[in-house]
PDB file of N, CA and C in Angstrom:
ATOM      1  N   MET A   1       9.935   3.811 -33.366  1.00  0.00           N
ATOM      2  CA  MET A   1      10.661   3.310 -33.052  1.00  0.00           C
ATOM      3  C   MET A   1      10.132   2.556 -31.075  1.00  0.00           C
ATOM      4  N   PHE A   2       9.013   3.101 -31.141  1.00  0.00           N
ATOM      5  CA  PHE A   2       8.560   2.274 -29.671  1.00  0.00           C
ATOM      6  C   PHE A   2       7.398   1.527 -30.729  1.00  0.00           C
ATOM      7  N   ASP A   3       7.330  -0.115 -30.475  1.00  0.00           N
ATOM      8  CA  ASP A   3       5.635  -0.641 -30.932  1.00  0.00           C
ATOM      9  C   ASP A   3       4.345  -0.216 -29.404  1.00  0.00           C
ATOM     10  N   GLU A   4       3.351  -0.624 -29.826  1.00  0.00           N
ATOM     11  CA  GLU A   4       2.544  -0.176 -29.423  1.00  0.00           C
ATOM     12  C   GLU A   4       2.615  -1.226 -27.817  1.00  0.00           C
ATOM     13  N   ARG A   5       3.206  -2.175 -28.357  1.00  0.00           N
ATOM     14  CA  ARG A   5       2.978  -2.955 -26.496  1.00  0.00           C
ATOM     15  C   ARG A   5       3.958  -2.308 -25.615  1.00  0.00           C
ATOM     16  N   PHE A   6       4.453  -1.144 -26.121  1.00  0.00           N
ATOM     17  CA  PHE A   6       5.915  -0.723 -25.071  1.00  0.00           C
ATOM     18  C   PHE A   6       4.568   0.056 -24.371  1.00  0.00           C
ATOM     19  N   TRP A   7       3.826   1.000 -25.169  1.00  0.00           N
ATOM     20  CA  TRP A   7       3.315   1.965 -25.082  1.00  0.00           C
ATOM     21  C   TRP A   7       1.592   1.830 -23.894  1.00  0.00           C
ATOM     22  N   MET A   8       1.252   0.567 -24.223  1.00  0.00           N
ATOM     23  CA  MET A   8       0.256   0.499 -23.056  1.00  0.00           C
ATOM     24  C   MET A   8       0.822  -0.653 -22.290  1.00  0.00           C
ATOM     25  N   GLY A   9       1.936  -0.738 -22.085  1.00  0.00           N
ATOM     26  CA  GLY A   9       2.712  -1.240 -21.229  1.00  0.00           C
ATOM     27  C   GLY A   9       2.896   0.013 -20.026  1.00  0.00           C
ATOM     28  N   ILE A  10       3.835   0.692 -20.401  1.00  0.00           N
ATOM     29  CA  ILE A  10       3.624   2.235 -20.104  1.00  0.00           C
ATOM     30  C   ILE A  10       2.498   2.215 -19.227  1.00  0.00           C
ATOM     31  N   VAL A  11       1.640   2.526 -19.932  1.00  0.00           N
ATOM     32  CA  VAL A  11      -0.097   2.933 -19.095  1.00  0.00           C
ATOM     33  C   VAL A  11      -0.586   1.868 -18.033  1.00  0.00           C
ATOM     34  N   SER A  12      -0.226   1.022 -18.873  1.00  0.00           N
ATOM     35  CA  SER A  12      -0.497  -0.507 -17.926  1.00  0.00           C
ATOM     36  C   SER A  12      -0.315  -0.209 -17.115  1.00  0.00           C
ATOM     37  N   ALA A  13       1.156  -0.178 -16.554  1.00  0.00           N
ATOM     38  CA  ALA A  13       1.694   0.159 -15.152  1.00  0.00           C
ATOM     39  C   ALA A  13       1.715   1.333 -14.666  1.00  0.00           C
ATOM     40  N   LEU A  14       0.964   2.330 -15.160  1.00  0.00           N
ATOM     41  CA  LEU A  14       0.686   3.629 -14.864  1.00  0.00           C
ATOM     42  C   LEU A  14      -0.615   3.600 -14.508  1.00  0.00           C
ATOM     43  N   ILE A  15      -1.272   2.715 -14.951  1.00  0.00           N
ATOM     44  CA  ILE A  15      -2.785   2.775 -14.234  1.00  0.00           C
ATOM     45  C   ILE A  15      -3.509   1.645 -12.664  1.00  0.00           C
ATOM     46  N   TYR A  16      -1.827   0.866 -12.593  1.00  0.00           N
ATOM     47  CA  TYR A  16      -1.710  -0.188 -11.907  1.00  0.00           C
ATOM     48  C   TYR A  16      -1.015   0.651 -10.800  1.00  0.00           C
ATOM     49  N   GLY A  17      -0.260   1.603 -10.766  1.00  0.00           N
ATOM     50  CA  GLY A  17       0.409   1.695 -10.555  1.00  0.00           C
ATOM     51  C   GLY A  17      -0.373   2.551  -9.055  1.00  0.00           C
ATOM     52  N   PHE A  18      -1.016   3.062  -9.793  1.00  0.00           N
ATOM     53  CA  PHE A  18      -1.497   4.415  -9.250  1.00  0.00           C
ATOM     54  C   PHE A  18      -3.523   3.405  -8.114  1.00  0.00           C
ATOM     55  N   ILE A  19      -3.674   2.264  -8.589  1.00  0.00           N
ATOM     56  CA  ILE A  19      -4.594   1.436  -7.674  1.00  0.00           C
ATOM     57  C   ILE A  19      -3.515   1.063  -7.127  1.00  0.00           C
ATOM     58  N   GLY A  20      -2.950   0.702  -6.974  1.00  0.00           N
ATOM     59  CA  GLY A  20      -2.115  -0.152  -5.871  1.00  0.00           C
ATOM     60  C   GLY A  20      -2.209   1.035  -4.349  1.00  0.00           C
ATOM     61  N   ILE A  21      -1.141   1.635  -5.116  1.00  0.00           N
ATOM     62  CA  ILE A  21      -1.464   2.960  -4.275  1.00  0.00           C
ATOM     63  C   ILE A  21      -2.585   3.417  -3.164  1.00  0.00           C
ATOM     64  N   PHE A  22      -4.192   3.782  -4.521  1.00  0.00           N
ATOM     65  CA  PHE A  22      -5.276   3.804  -3.206  1.00  0.00           C
ATOM     66  C   PHE A  22      -5.153   3.073  -2.314  1.00  0.00           C
ATOM     67  N   LEU A  23      -5.342   1.130  -3.427  1.00  0.00           N
ATOM     68  CA  LEU A  23      -5.508   0.785  -2.588  1.00  0.00           C
ATOM     69  C   LEU A  23      -3.899   0.425  -0.309  1.00  0.00           C
ATOM     70  N   ALA A  24      -3.610   0.642  -1.116  1.00  0.00           N
ATOM     71  CA  ALA A  24      -2.566   1.175   0.304  1.00  0.00           C
ATOM     72  C   ALA A  24      -2.817   1.497   1.149  1.00  0.00           C
ATOM     73  N   LEU A  25      -2.797   3.657   0.881  1.00  0.00           N
ATOM     74  CA  LEU A  25      -4.004   4.392   1.650  1.00  0.00           C
ATOM     75  C   LEU A  25      -4.994   3.786   2.056  1.00  0.00           C
ATOM     76  N   LEU A  26      -5.965   3.315   1.212  1.00  0.00           N
ATOM     77  CA  LEU A  26      -7.523   2.728   2.104  1.00  0.00           C
ATOM     78  C   LEU A  26      -7.362   1.958   2.964  1.00  0.00           C
ATOM     79  N   GLY A  27      -6.095   0.982   2.429  1.00  0.00           N
ATOM     80  CA  GLY A  27      -6.211   0.053   3.770  1.00  0.00           C
ATOM     81  C   GLY A  27      -5.312   0.513   5.228  1.00  0.00           C
ATOM     82  N   PHE A  28      -4.629   1.257   5.174  1.00  0.00           N
ATOM     83  CA  PHE A  28      -4.421   1.615   6.654  1.00  0.00           C
ATOM     84  C   PHE A  28      -5.153   2.300   6.842  1.00  0.00           C
ATOM     85  N   LYS A  29      -5.669   3.582   6.165  1.00  0.00           N
ATOM     86  CA  LYS A  29      -7.029   3.987   7.409  1.00  0.00           C
ATOM     87  C   LYS A  29      -8.041   3.226   7.917  1.00  0.00           C
ATOM     88  N   VAL A  30      -7.621   2.287   7.075  1.00  0.00           N
ATOM     89  CA  VAL A  30      -9.236   1.290   8.303  1.00  0.00           C
ATOM     90  C   VAL A  30      -8.527   0.362   8.788  1.00  0.00           C
ATOM     91  N   PHE A  31      -7.500   0.642   9.149  1.00  0.00           N
ATOM     92  CA  PHE A  31      -6.145   0.259  10.423  1.00  0.00           C
ATOM     93  C   PHE A  31      -5.912   1.531  10.730  1.00  0.00           C
ATOM     94  N   ASP A  32      -6.267   2.278  10.870  1.00  0.00           N
ATOM     95  CA  ASP A  32      -6.239   3.641  11.638  1.00  0.00           C
ATOM     96  C   ASP A  32      -7.905   3.469  12.674  1.00  0.00           C
ATOM     97  N   TRP A  33      -8.370   3.538  11.310  1.00  0.00           N
ATOM     98  CA  TRP A  33      -9.730   3.057  11.950  1.00  0.00           C
ATOM     99  C   TRP A  33     -10.212   2.309  13.035  1.00  0.00           C
ATOM    100  N   ILE A  34     -10.116   1.253  12.748  1.00  0.00           N
ATOM    101  CA  ILE A  34     -10.173   0.267  12.909  1.00  0.00           C
ATOM    102  C   ILE A  34      -9.499  -0.104  14.490  1.00  0.00           C
ATOM    103  N   THR A  35      -8.666   0.977  15.031  1.00  0.00           N
ATOM    104  CA  THR A  35      -7.803   1.201  15.915  1.00  0.00           C
ATOM    105  C   THR A  35      -7.330   2.569  16.867  1.00  0.00           C
ATOM    106  N   PRO A  36      -9.092   3.028  16.844  1.00  0.00           N
ATOM    107  CA  PRO A  36      -9.054   4.175  17.516  1.00  0.00           C
ATOM    108  C   PRO A  36      -8.646   4.704  19.086  1.00  0.00           C
ATOM    109  N   LYS A  37      -7.613   3.328  20.005  1.00  0.00           N
ATOM    110  CA  LYS A  37      -7.411   4.274  20.401  1.00  0.00           C
ATOM    111  C   LYS A  37      -5.685   4.554  20.398  1.00  0.00           C
ATOM    112  N   ILE A  38      -5.288   4.267  19.213  1.00  0.00           N
ATOM    113  CA  ILE A  38      -4.498   4.347  18.950  1.00  0.00           C
ATOM    114  C   ILE A  38      -4.066   5.571  18.187  1.00  0.00           C
ATOM    115  N   ASP A  39      -3.137   7.028  18.418  1.00  0.00           N
ATOM    116  CA  ASP A  39      -3.031   7.868  17.495  1.00  0.00           C
ATOM    117  C   ASP A  39      -1.549   7.989  17.053  1.00  0.00           C
ATOM    118  N   VAL A  40      -1.740   7.615  16.152  1.00  0.00           N
ATOM    119  CA  VAL A  40      -0.654   7.067  15.425  1.00  0.00           C
ATOM    120  C   VAL A  40       0.310   8.486  15.312  1.00  0.00           C
ATOM    121  N   GLU A  41      -0.407   8.818  14.452  1.00  0.00           N
ATOM    122  CA  GLU A  41       0.387  11.153  14.800  1.00  0.00           C
ATOM    123  C   GLU A  41       0.720  10.943  15.340  1.00  0.00           C
ATOM    124  N   THR A  42       0.368  11.105  16.922  1.00  0.00           N
ATOM    125  CA  THR A  42       1.204  11.285  17.931  1.00  0.00           C
ATOM    126  C   THR A  42       1.931  10.339  17.959  1.00  0.00           C
ATOM    127  N   GLU A  43       1.562   9.646  18.783  1.00  0.00           N
ATOM    128  CA  GLU A  43       2.494   8.069  19.084  1.00  0.00           C
ATOM    129  C   GLU A  43       4.304   8.456  18.741  1.00  0.00           C
ATOM    130  N   LEU A  44       3.920   8.731  17.069  1.00  0.00           N
ATOM    131  CA  LEU A  44       5.296   8.607  16.204  1.00  0.00           C
ATOM    132  C   LEU A  44       6.191  10.196  16.526  1.00  0.00           C
ATOM    133  N   ALA A  45       4.913  11.020  15.965  1.00  0.00           N
ATOM    134  CA  ALA A  45       5.694  12.005  16.160  1.00  0.00           C
ATOM    135  C   ALA A  45       5.813  12.881  17.256  1.00  0.00           C
ATOM    136  N   GLU A  46       5.214  12.133  18.837  1.00  0.00           N
ATOM    137  CA  GLU A  46       5.924  13.688  19.753  1.00  0.00           C
ATOM    138  C   GLU A  46       6.164  12.497  20.818  1.00  0.00           C
ATOM    139  N   LYS A  47       5.914  11.487  20.814  1.00  0.00           N
ATOM    140  CA  LYS A  47       6.198  10.414  22.236  1.00  0.00           C
ATOM    141  C   LYS A  47       7.667   9.690  21.679  1.00  0.00           C
ATOM    142  N   HIS A  48       7.628   9.263  20.080  1.00  0.00           N
ATOM    143  CA  HIS A  48       8.934   8.699  19.326  1.00  0.00           C
ATOM    144  C   HIS A  48       8.262   7.160  19.881  1.00  0.00           C
ATOM    145  N   ASN A  49       7.907   6.577  20.142  1.00  0.00           N
ATOM    146  CA  ASN A  49       6.932   4.936  20.105  1.00  0.00           C
ATOM    147  C   ASN A  49       7.626   4.289  18.938  1.00  0.00           C
ATOM    148  N   THR A  50       8.524   3.743  18.871  1.00  0.00           N
ATOM    149  CA  THR A  50       9.006   2.796  18.505  1.00  0.00           C
ATOM    150  C   THR A  50       8.596   1.479  18.220  1.00  0.00           C
ATOM    151  N   ALA A  51       7.449   1.103  18.937  1.00  0.00           N
ATOM    152  CA  ALA A  51       6.504  -0.023  18.072  1.00  0.00           C
ATOM    153  C   ALA A  51       5.484  -0.051  18.213  1.00  0.00           C
ATOM    154  N   VAL A  52       5.145   1.102  17.751  1.00  0.00           N
ATOM    155  CA  VAL A  52       3.302   1.531  17.477  1.00  0.00           C
ATOM    156  C   VAL A  52       4.188   1.981  15.828  1.00  0.00           C
ATOM    157  N   ALA A  53       6.131   2.576  15.763  1.00  0.00           N
ATOM    158  CA  ALA A  53       6.579   2.703  14.344  1.00  0.00           C
ATOM    159  C   ALA A  53       6.736   1.032  13.406  1.00  0.00           C
ATOM    160  N   ILE A  54       6.532   0.486  14.391  1.00  0.00           N
ATOM    161  CA  ILE A  54       6.938  -1.707  14.462  1.00  0.00           C
ATOM    162  C   ILE A  54       6.042  -1.352  13.143  1.00  0.00           C
ATOM    163  N   VAL A  55       4.789  -1.519  14.434  1.00  0.00           N
ATOM    164  CA  VAL A  55       3.138  -2.405  14.011  1.00  0.00           C
ATOM    165  C   VAL A  55       2.680  -1.241  13.033  1.00  0.00           C
ATOM    166  N   CYS A  56       3.366  -0.406  12.277  1.00  0.00           N
ATOM    167  CA  CYS A  56       3.176   0.121  11.283  1.00  0.00           C
ATOM    168  C   CYS A  56       3.131   0.356  10.835  1.00  0.00           C
ATOM    169  N   ALA A  57       4.870  -0.858  10.522  1.00  0.00           N
ATOM    170  CA  ALA A  57       5.102  -0.903   8.980  1.00  0.00           C
ATOM    171  C   ALA A  57       5.283  -2.113   8.798  1.00  0.00           C
ATOM    172  N   ALA A  58       4.368  -2.753   9.570  1.00  0.00           N
ATOM    173  CA  ALA A  58       4.032  -4.592   9.056  1.00  0.00           C
ATOM    174  C   ALA A  58       3.084  -4.342   8.955  1.00  0.00           C
ATOM    175  N   VAL A  59       1.920  -3.741   9.280  1.00  0.00           N
ATOM    176  CA  VAL A  59       0.422  -3.035   8.233  1.00  0.00           C
ATOM    177  C   VAL A  59       0.995  -3.230   7.597  1.00  0.00           C
ATOM    178  N   ILE A  60       1.563  -1.757   6.797  1.00  0.00           N
ATOM    179  CA  ILE A  60       1.788  -0.836   5.423  1.00  0.00           C
ATOM    180  C   ILE A  60       2.373  -2.780   4.640  1.00  0.00           C
ATOM    181  N   LEU A  61       3.225  -3.493   5.332  1.00  0.00           N
ATOM    182  CA  LEU A  61       4.106  -4.243   4.149  1.00  0.00           C
ATOM    183  C   LEU A  61       3.337  -5.223   4.180  1.00  0.00           C
ATOM    184  N   GLY A  62       1.710  -6.145   4.887  1.00  0.00           N
ATOM    185  CA  GLY A  62       0.822  -6.997   4.617  1.00  0.00           C
ATOM    186  C   GLY A  62      -0.158  -6.665   3.405  1.00  0.00           C
ATOM    187  N   ILE A  63      -0.359  -5.401   4.007  1.00  0.00           N
ATOM    188  CA  ILE A  63      -1.142  -4.363   3.061  1.00  0.00           C
ATOM    189  C   ILE A  63      -1.376  -4.351   1.377  1.00  0.00           C
ATOM    190  N   CYS A  64       0.150  -4.179   1.344  1.00  0.00           N
ATOM    191  CA  CYS A  64       0.752  -3.884  -0.071  1.00  0.00           C
ATOM    192  C   CYS A  64       1.093  -5.363  -0.399  1.00  0.00           C
ATOM    193  N   TYR A  65       1.893  -6.471   0.129  1.00  0.00           N
ATOM    194  CA  TYR A  65       2.006  -7.662   0.258  1.00  0.00           C
ATOM    195  C   TYR A  65       0.102  -8.287  -0.921  1.00  0.00           C
ATOM    196  N   LEU A  66      -0.585  -7.719  -0.118  1.00  0.00           N
ATOM    197  CA  LEU A  66      -2.379  -8.040  -0.063  1.00  0.00           C
ATOM    198  C   LEU A  66      -2.337  -7.550  -1.647  1.00  0.00           C
ATOM    199  N   VAL A  67      -1.728  -6.091  -1.500  1.00  0.00           N
ATOM    200  CA  VAL A  67      -2.451  -5.581  -2.861  1.00  0.00           C
ATOM    201  C   VAL A  67      -1.157  -5.681  -4.053  1.00  0.00           C
ATOM    202  N   ALA A  68      -0.653  -5.778  -4.287  1.00  0.00           N
ATOM    203  CA  ALA A  68       0.752  -6.855  -5.575  1.00  0.00           C
ATOM    204  C   ALA A  68       0.272  -8.414  -5.803  1.00  0.00           C
ATOM    205  N   HIS A  69      -0.998  -8.761  -4.702  1.00  0.00           N
ATOM    206  CA  HIS A  69      -1.306 -10.121  -5.058  1.00  0.00           C
ATOM    207  C   HIS A  69      -3.087  -9.587  -5.617  1.00  0.00           C
ATOM    208  N   VAL A  70      -3.557  -8.476  -5.494  1.00  0.00           N
ATOM    209  CA  VAL A  70      -5.125  -8.816  -6.257  1.00  0.00           C
ATOM    210  C   VAL A  70      -4.734  -8.321  -7.152  1.00  0.00           C
ATOM    211  N   VAL A  71      -3.797  -6.781  -7.209  1.00  0.00           N
ATOM    212  CA  VAL A  71      -3.993  -6.189  -8.547  1.00  0.00           C
ATOM    213  C   VAL A  71      -2.734  -7.071  -9.567  1.00  0.00           C
ATOM    214  N   GLY A  72      -2.279  -7.422  -9.267  1.00  0.00           N
ATOM    215  CA  GLY A  72      -1.496  -8.723 -10.242  1.00  0.00           C
ATOM    216  C   GLY A  72      -1.480  -9.487 -11.000  1.00  0.00           C
ATOM    217  N   GLY A  73      -2.773 -10.099 -10.088  1.00  0.00           N
ATOM    218  CA  GLY A  73      -3.746 -11.067 -10.672  1.00  0.00           C
ATOM    219  C   GLY A  73      -2.796 -12.291 -10.764  1.00  0.00           C
ATOM    220  N   PRO A  74      -3.318 -13.572 -10.713  1.00  0.00           N
ATOM    221  CA  PRO A  74      -3.062 -15.094 -10.807  1.00  0.00           C
ATOM    222  C   PRO A  74      -0.940 -15.227 -11.427  1.00  0.00           C
ATOM    223  N   SER A  75      -0.064 -15.540 -10.565  1.00  0.00           N
ATOM    224  CA  SER A  75       1.280 -15.646 -11.294  1.00  0.00           C
ATOM    225  C   SER A  75       1.113 -16.710 -12.416  1.00  0.00           C
ATOM    226  N   PRO A  76       1.735 -16.034 -13.401  1.00  0.00           N
ATOM    227  CA  PRO A  76       1.779 -17.548 -14.619  1.00  0.00           C
ATOM    228  C   PRO A  76       2.289 -18.685 -13.750  1.00  0.00           C
ATOM    229  N   SER A  77       2.152 -19.871 -14.399  1.00  0.00           N
ATOM    230  CA  SER A  77       2.438 -21.361 -13.570  1.00  0.00           C
ATOM    231  C   SER A  77       3.648 -22.424 -14.433  1.00  0.00           C
TER     232      SER A  77
END
């Protein structure tokens, strides 16, 4: 019913998905490490600081954009 290309696609998607999630988490941890004066968890959970939430969202989106291009490789032209 399913050919070998289908299963290779599923396996590749899972592997690249896990790699992408790992790199995104690693990138956010690096951001947290290079900004020691900002305690992100305290600012978000206790102080409800919207500015920190927006900066964190922008950082996560930027990291995920870079990771998608690194993991996906060059786009066909």
